[in-house]
Protein backbone atom coordinates (compact mmCIF):
# COMPACT_ATOMS: atom_id res chain seq x y z
CA MET A 1 90.93 -18.96 93.63
CA TYR A 2 89.32 -16.15 91.45
CA LYS A 3 91.32 -14.03 88.93
CA ILE A 4 91.43 -10.51 89.79
CA LYS A 5 91.92 -7.61 87.07
CA ASP A 6 92.32 -4.08 86.84
CA SER A 7 88.76 -2.55 86.25
CA LYS A 8 88.20 0.07 83.27
CA LYS A 9 86.37 1.83 86.08
CA LYS A 10 88.65 4.11 87.36
CA HIS A 11 89.80 3.16 91.17
CA MET A 12 88.50 -0.43 90.73
CA ILE A 13 89.51 -4.04 90.52
CA GLU A 14 87.20 -6.74 89.72
CA ALA A 15 87.15 -10.55 90.33
CA TYR A 16 86.10 -13.46 87.62
CA ASP A 17 85.33 -16.96 88.25
CA GLN A 18 86.57 -19.81 86.04
CA ASP A 19 83.90 -19.38 83.52
CA ASN A 20 84.81 -15.55 83.61
CA ASN A 21 81.84 -14.39 85.09
CA LEU A 22 82.17 -11.07 87.08
CA VAL A 23 81.64 -12.28 90.89
CA GLY A 24 83.42 -9.18 92.96
CA GLU A 25 84.38 -5.82 92.99
CA GLY A 26 87.07 -3.72 94.92
CA ILE A 27 87.27 0.12 95.22
CA ILE A 28 90.81 1.68 95.88
CA SER A 29 90.04 5.55 95.88
CA PRO A 30 92.88 7.67 96.93
CA PHE A 31 92.42 11.19 97.69
CA MET A 32 93.89 14.16 99.75
CA GLU A 33 92.29 14.91 102.90
CA SER A 34 91.40 18.55 103.38
CA ASP A 35 93.81 20.98 104.98
CA LEU A 36 92.38 20.90 108.47
CA TYR A 37 94.90 18.04 110.05
CA GLU A 38 98.09 18.95 111.46
CA ARG A 39 100.15 17.00 108.46
CA PRO A 40 98.92 16.63 104.91
CA ARG A 41 97.22 13.22 104.62
CA LEU A 42 96.45 10.91 101.81
CA ASN A 43 93.17 8.71 102.55
CA ILE A 44 92.80 5.40 100.65
CA TYR A 45 89.10 4.67 100.86
CA ILE A 46 88.34 1.02 100.25
CA ASP A 47 85.20 -1.08 99.62
CA ILE A 48 84.47 -4.55 98.56
CA LYS A 49 81.58 -6.20 97.02
CA VAL A 50 81.06 -9.64 96.35
CA LYS A 51 78.45 -11.73 94.93
CA ASP A 52 76.61 -14.74 96.77
CA VAL A 53 79.15 -17.54 95.76
CA ILE A 54 79.67 -20.61 97.79
CA ASP A 55 83.31 -19.35 99.08
CA LYS A 56 82.03 -15.70 99.56
CA SER A 57 84.34 -15.07 102.41
CA GLU A 58 87.51 -16.45 100.79
CA LEU A 59 87.11 -14.47 97.61
CA LYS A 60 86.28 -11.20 99.75
CA ASP A 61 89.71 -12.00 101.57
CA GLN A 62 91.45 -12.43 98.01
CA ILE A 63 90.19 -9.34 96.78
CA PHE A 64 91.15 -7.33 100.11
CA ASP A 65 94.86 -8.82 99.73
CA GLU A 66 94.75 -7.43 96.39
CA ILE A 67 93.74 -4.13 97.70
CA MET A 68 96.37 -3.93 100.20
CA LYS A 69 99.07 -4.43 97.84
CA LYS A 70 97.87 -1.93 95.50
CA SER A 71 97.60 0.57 98.65
CA GLN A 72 101.18 -0.43 99.40
CA VAL A 73 102.33 0.80 96.05
CA ILE A 74 100.32 4.23 96.59
CA ARG A 75 102.19 4.26 99.87
CA GLN A 76 105.67 4.09 98.59
CA GLU A 77 104.85 6.87 95.84
CA ASN A 78 103.80 9.44 98.51
CA LYS A 79 106.47 8.79 101.16
CA GLU A 80 106.12 12.72 102.30
CA LEU A 81 102.65 12.36 103.13
CA ASP A 82 100.74 10.51 106.06
CA VAL A 83 99.02 7.82 104.34
CA ARG A 84 95.57 6.14 105.88
CA ILE A 85 93.75 3.46 104.36
CA TYR A 86 90.19 2.78 105.39
CA HIS A 87 86.69 1.66 105.05
CA CYS A 88 83.66 3.89 106.01
CA CYS A 89 80.05 2.67 106.61
CA PHE A 90 77.27 3.46 108.43
CA SER A 91 77.28 2.90 112.32
CA ASP A 92 74.49 0.27 112.14
CA ASN A 93 76.50 -1.87 109.34
CA LYS A 94 77.90 -4.25 111.80
CA GLU A 95 78.88 -6.65 109.04
CA ASN A 96 81.15 -4.49 107.40
CA ILE A 97 82.12 -2.83 110.88
CA ALA A 98 83.38 -6.50 112.06
CA TYR A 99 84.88 -7.57 108.97
CA TYR A 100 87.26 -4.71 108.62
CA SER A 101 88.05 -4.66 112.02
CA SER A 102 89.14 -8.40 111.95
CA LYS A 103 92.15 -7.26 109.76
CA LYS A 104 95.49 -6.84 110.81
CA GLY A 105 96.28 -3.51 112.05
CA PHE A 106 92.56 -1.93 111.29
CA ASN A 107 90.89 -0.29 114.15
CA HIS A 108 87.54 1.32 114.73
CA ASP A 109 89.46 4.76 115.47
CA GLU A 110 87.79 7.38 113.72
CA GLY A 111 83.93 8.20 113.13
CA MET A 112 81.47 10.96 112.08
CA HIS A 113 79.98 12.31 115.48
CA ILE A 114 76.98 14.48 115.76
CA ILE A 115 77.79 16.85 118.75
CA LYS A 116 75.14 19.06 120.07
CA LYS A 117 74.93 22.46 122.10
CA LYS A 118 71.97 23.60 124.54
CA ILE A 119 71.59 27.40 124.18
CA THR A 120 70.61 28.60 127.65
CA GLU A 121 72.60 31.43 128.54
CA GLU A 122 70.99 34.44 128.83
CA ARG A 123 73.78 36.30 127.09
CA PHE A 124 76.81 35.47 124.80
CA GLN A 125 80.33 37.48 125.16
CA ILE A 126 81.04 38.43 121.62
CA THR A 127 84.52 39.95 121.34
CA ASP A 128 86.05 41.81 118.47
CA ILE A 129 89.05 40.48 116.49
CA GLU A 130 91.37 43.26 115.21
CA GLY A 131 91.30 43.65 111.17
CA ILE A 132 88.01 41.41 110.99
CA ASP A 133 84.42 42.43 110.57
CA PHE A 134 81.48 40.30 110.65
CA ALA A 135 78.50 40.48 108.60
CA THR A 136 75.27 38.83 107.46
CA LEU A 137 75.35 37.18 104.09
CA GLU A 138 72.07 37.01 101.99
CA PHE A 139 73.53 34.98 99.06
CA ILE A 140 72.20 37.44 96.73
CA ASP A 141 75.17 39.32 95.55
CA GLU A 142 76.63 36.53 92.82
CA ASP A 143 80.30 38.05 93.29
CA GLU A 144 80.03 37.24 96.92
CA ILE A 145 78.60 33.86 96.49
CA LYS A 146 81.44 33.07 94.08
CA GLN A 147 84.42 34.62 96.71
CA LEU A 148 82.23 32.30 99.42
CA VAL A 149 82.63 28.97 97.11
CA GLU A 150 86.28 29.84 96.20
CA LYS A 151 87.44 30.57 99.76
CA GLN A 152 85.12 27.27 101.11
CA ASN A 153 86.79 25.07 98.70
CA GLU A 154 90.32 26.09 99.76
CA VAL A 155 89.66 24.34 102.96
CA PHE A 156 87.33 21.62 101.86
CA VAL A 157 88.27 19.13 99.16
CA ARG A 158 84.77 18.48 98.35
CA GLY A 159 83.13 21.89 99.31
CA TYR A 160 80.13 23.91 98.12
CA SER A 161 79.43 24.73 94.48
CA ILE A 162 77.44 28.02 93.37
CA GLU A 163 74.62 25.78 93.00
CA ASP A 164 74.83 24.57 96.42
CA ILE A 165 74.52 27.78 97.89
CA LYS A 166 71.63 28.97 95.74
CA GLU A 167 69.79 26.08 96.78
CA LEU A 168 70.17 26.88 100.29
CA ARG A 169 68.31 30.06 99.81
CA ARG A 170 65.20 27.95 99.33
CA GLU A 171 65.32 26.55 103.03
CA ASN A 172 62.67 27.72 105.33
CA GLN A 173 65.10 29.15 107.67
CA TRP A 174 68.79 29.84 107.37
CA PHE A 175 71.39 32.43 107.96
CA SER A 176 74.93 33.06 107.31
CA ILE A 177 77.65 34.95 109.07
CA ALA A 178 80.73 35.94 107.42
CA ALA A 179 84.12 36.84 108.94
CA LYS A 180 85.61 39.61 106.63
CA HIS A 181 88.82 41.34 106.25
CA ARG A 182 89.25 44.29 103.93
CA GLY A 183 86.04 43.15 102.21
CA GLU A 184 87.48 39.76 101.63
CA ILE A 185 85.77 36.59 103.17
CA VAL A 186 87.99 34.98 105.45
CA GLY A 187 85.44 32.49 107.34
CA ASN A 188 82.01 31.85 107.41
CA ILE A 189 79.22 29.79 109.24
CA ILE A 190 75.93 28.69 107.82
CA ILE A 191 73.15 27.43 109.97
CA ILE A 192 70.16 25.91 108.63
CA VAL A 193 67.32 25.22 110.91
CA LYS A 194 65.65 21.81 111.34
CA GLU A 195 63.22 19.64 113.29
CA ASP A 196 64.29 15.97 114.54
CA GLY A 197 61.37 13.20 114.82
CA LEU A 198 59.81 15.00 117.99
CA ASN A 199 59.35 18.10 115.95
CA ASN A 200 62.11 20.03 118.50
CA LYS A 201 63.92 22.51 116.35
CA TYR A 202 67.50 23.09 116.20
CA GLY A 203 70.15 24.97 114.34
CA TRP A 204 72.18 22.86 111.87
CA VAL A 205 75.73 23.99 111.45
CA ASP A 206 75.57 23.48 107.77
CA ASP A 207 79.26 24.65 107.07
CA LEU A 208 81.87 26.47 109.30
CA PHE A 209 85.24 27.36 107.68
CA VAL A 210 88.18 29.72 108.76
CA SER A 211 91.30 30.56 106.05
CA LYS A 212 94.14 28.83 106.83
CA GLU A 213 95.97 32.37 107.60
CA TRP A 214 93.19 33.27 110.15
CA ARG A 215 93.20 30.48 111.83
CA LYS A 216 94.11 30.37 115.87
CA GLN A 217 93.08 33.88 116.39
CA GLY A 218 89.29 33.20 117.60
CA VAL A 219 87.56 33.49 114.45
CA GLY A 220 85.90 30.08 114.12
CA LYS A 221 84.88 30.38 117.92
CA ASN A 222 83.49 34.01 117.19
CA LEU A 223 81.38 32.79 114.34
CA ILE A 224 80.12 30.02 116.78
CA ILE A 225 79.24 32.27 119.35
CA ARG A 226 77.14 34.82 116.82
CA ALA A 227 75.48 31.94 115.37
CA PHE A 228 74.45 31.07 119.15
CA GLN A 229 73.15 34.33 119.28
CA GLY A 230 71.51 34.32 116.15
CA LEU A 231 69.43 31.06 117.03
CA LYS A 232 68.66 32.58 120.34
CA ASP A 233 66.89 35.63 118.48
CA LEU A 234 64.91 32.74 116.92
CA ASN A 235 64.10 31.23 119.96
CA ILE A 236 65.92 28.01 118.84
CA LYS A 237 67.36 26.13 121.89
CA GLU A 238 69.56 23.82 120.39
CA SER A 239 72.46 23.69 117.81
CA ARG A 240 73.92 20.39 116.24
CA LEU A 241 76.81 19.46 113.95
CA GLU A 242 78.68 16.97 112.63
CA VAL A 243 82.47 16.43 112.79
CA TRP A 244 84.91 13.94 112.38
CA SER A 245 86.23 12.57 115.43
CA ALA A 246 89.93 12.74 113.96
CA ASN A 247 89.52 16.50 113.55
CA LYS A 248 91.14 17.17 116.95
CA ARG A 249 91.35 20.98 116.10
CA ALA A 250 87.86 21.75 115.20
CA LEU A 251 86.67 19.42 118.21
CA SER A 252 88.72 21.87 120.38
CA VAL A 253 87.02 24.58 119.37
CA TYR A 254 83.45 22.94 119.73
CA ASN A 255 83.98 21.75 123.17
CA SER A 256 85.36 25.44 124.43
CA VAL A 257 81.73 26.29 123.20
CA GLY A 258 80.05 23.57 125.12
CA TYR A 259 79.18 21.14 122.28
CA LYS A 260 78.95 17.43 123.84
CA PHE A 261 78.61 14.26 121.84
CA HIS A 262 75.37 12.94 120.80
CA GLU A 263 75.98 9.98 118.37
CA GLU A 264 77.89 8.47 115.66
CA THR A 265 76.31 8.13 112.23
CA GLU A 266 79.65 6.63 110.32
CA SER A 267 82.39 4.29 111.25
CA SER A 268 85.55 4.29 109.82
CA ILE A 269 87.94 1.32 110.24
CA GLY A 270 91.40 1.64 109.12
CA MET A 271 95.14 1.90 109.70
CA SER A 272 98.16 4.00 108.76
CA LEU A 273 100.43 2.57 106.19
């Protein structure tokens, strides 16, 4: 058995052997999910790293058990929220997927999916939305960049910074379309033109958001269709984006405009507490 201690590093615990050598670490990192889900959700990301000791699997299990104890405490402190504990890794990491999937209650039930849409329609039907104007953003106006970042950060926990937007200006081909209400940004889509391994160009949806008060009014769908038209004008015949499989609201919009599953790049194995 090993001694488990709280680390001086935030959100970590450490395991020591009888000679007080550090032989393993566990991450327990709680954070609020973006407001894209129907109910507020607290995620607890976990990860375990152990050195190559003789009883490596037993050490890993001991750290896991301690992680679960601490996660249950977090659960009790947040009774008003949905709470999910999970490990996330690249989808080719078979070892981690097998380990966490073996734990009671844990399931490989979410993933980061790349979905794609072939742009073949001769004409896209773009409809007007009362109270909304659509405009191309050039990322030149500092006040406009600041407003875009503030609005996007209200939706995403880990959103753009002002420097991120300025960095996007250095991409070879990109465009951004904003939805505005009385001059204020309430939604936006950013498309970057990329190439796959076969040199096929596609439009990557780097960001898409709609402010909470303007959802379920067709703003997001309208932005996507306008982006399709923009890609068609550039003779780009495909659009791709990534989305969490658990984000049913976003997927319903993407499916409605023709996006289809392409591949899973990250696997999330977890359970509700």
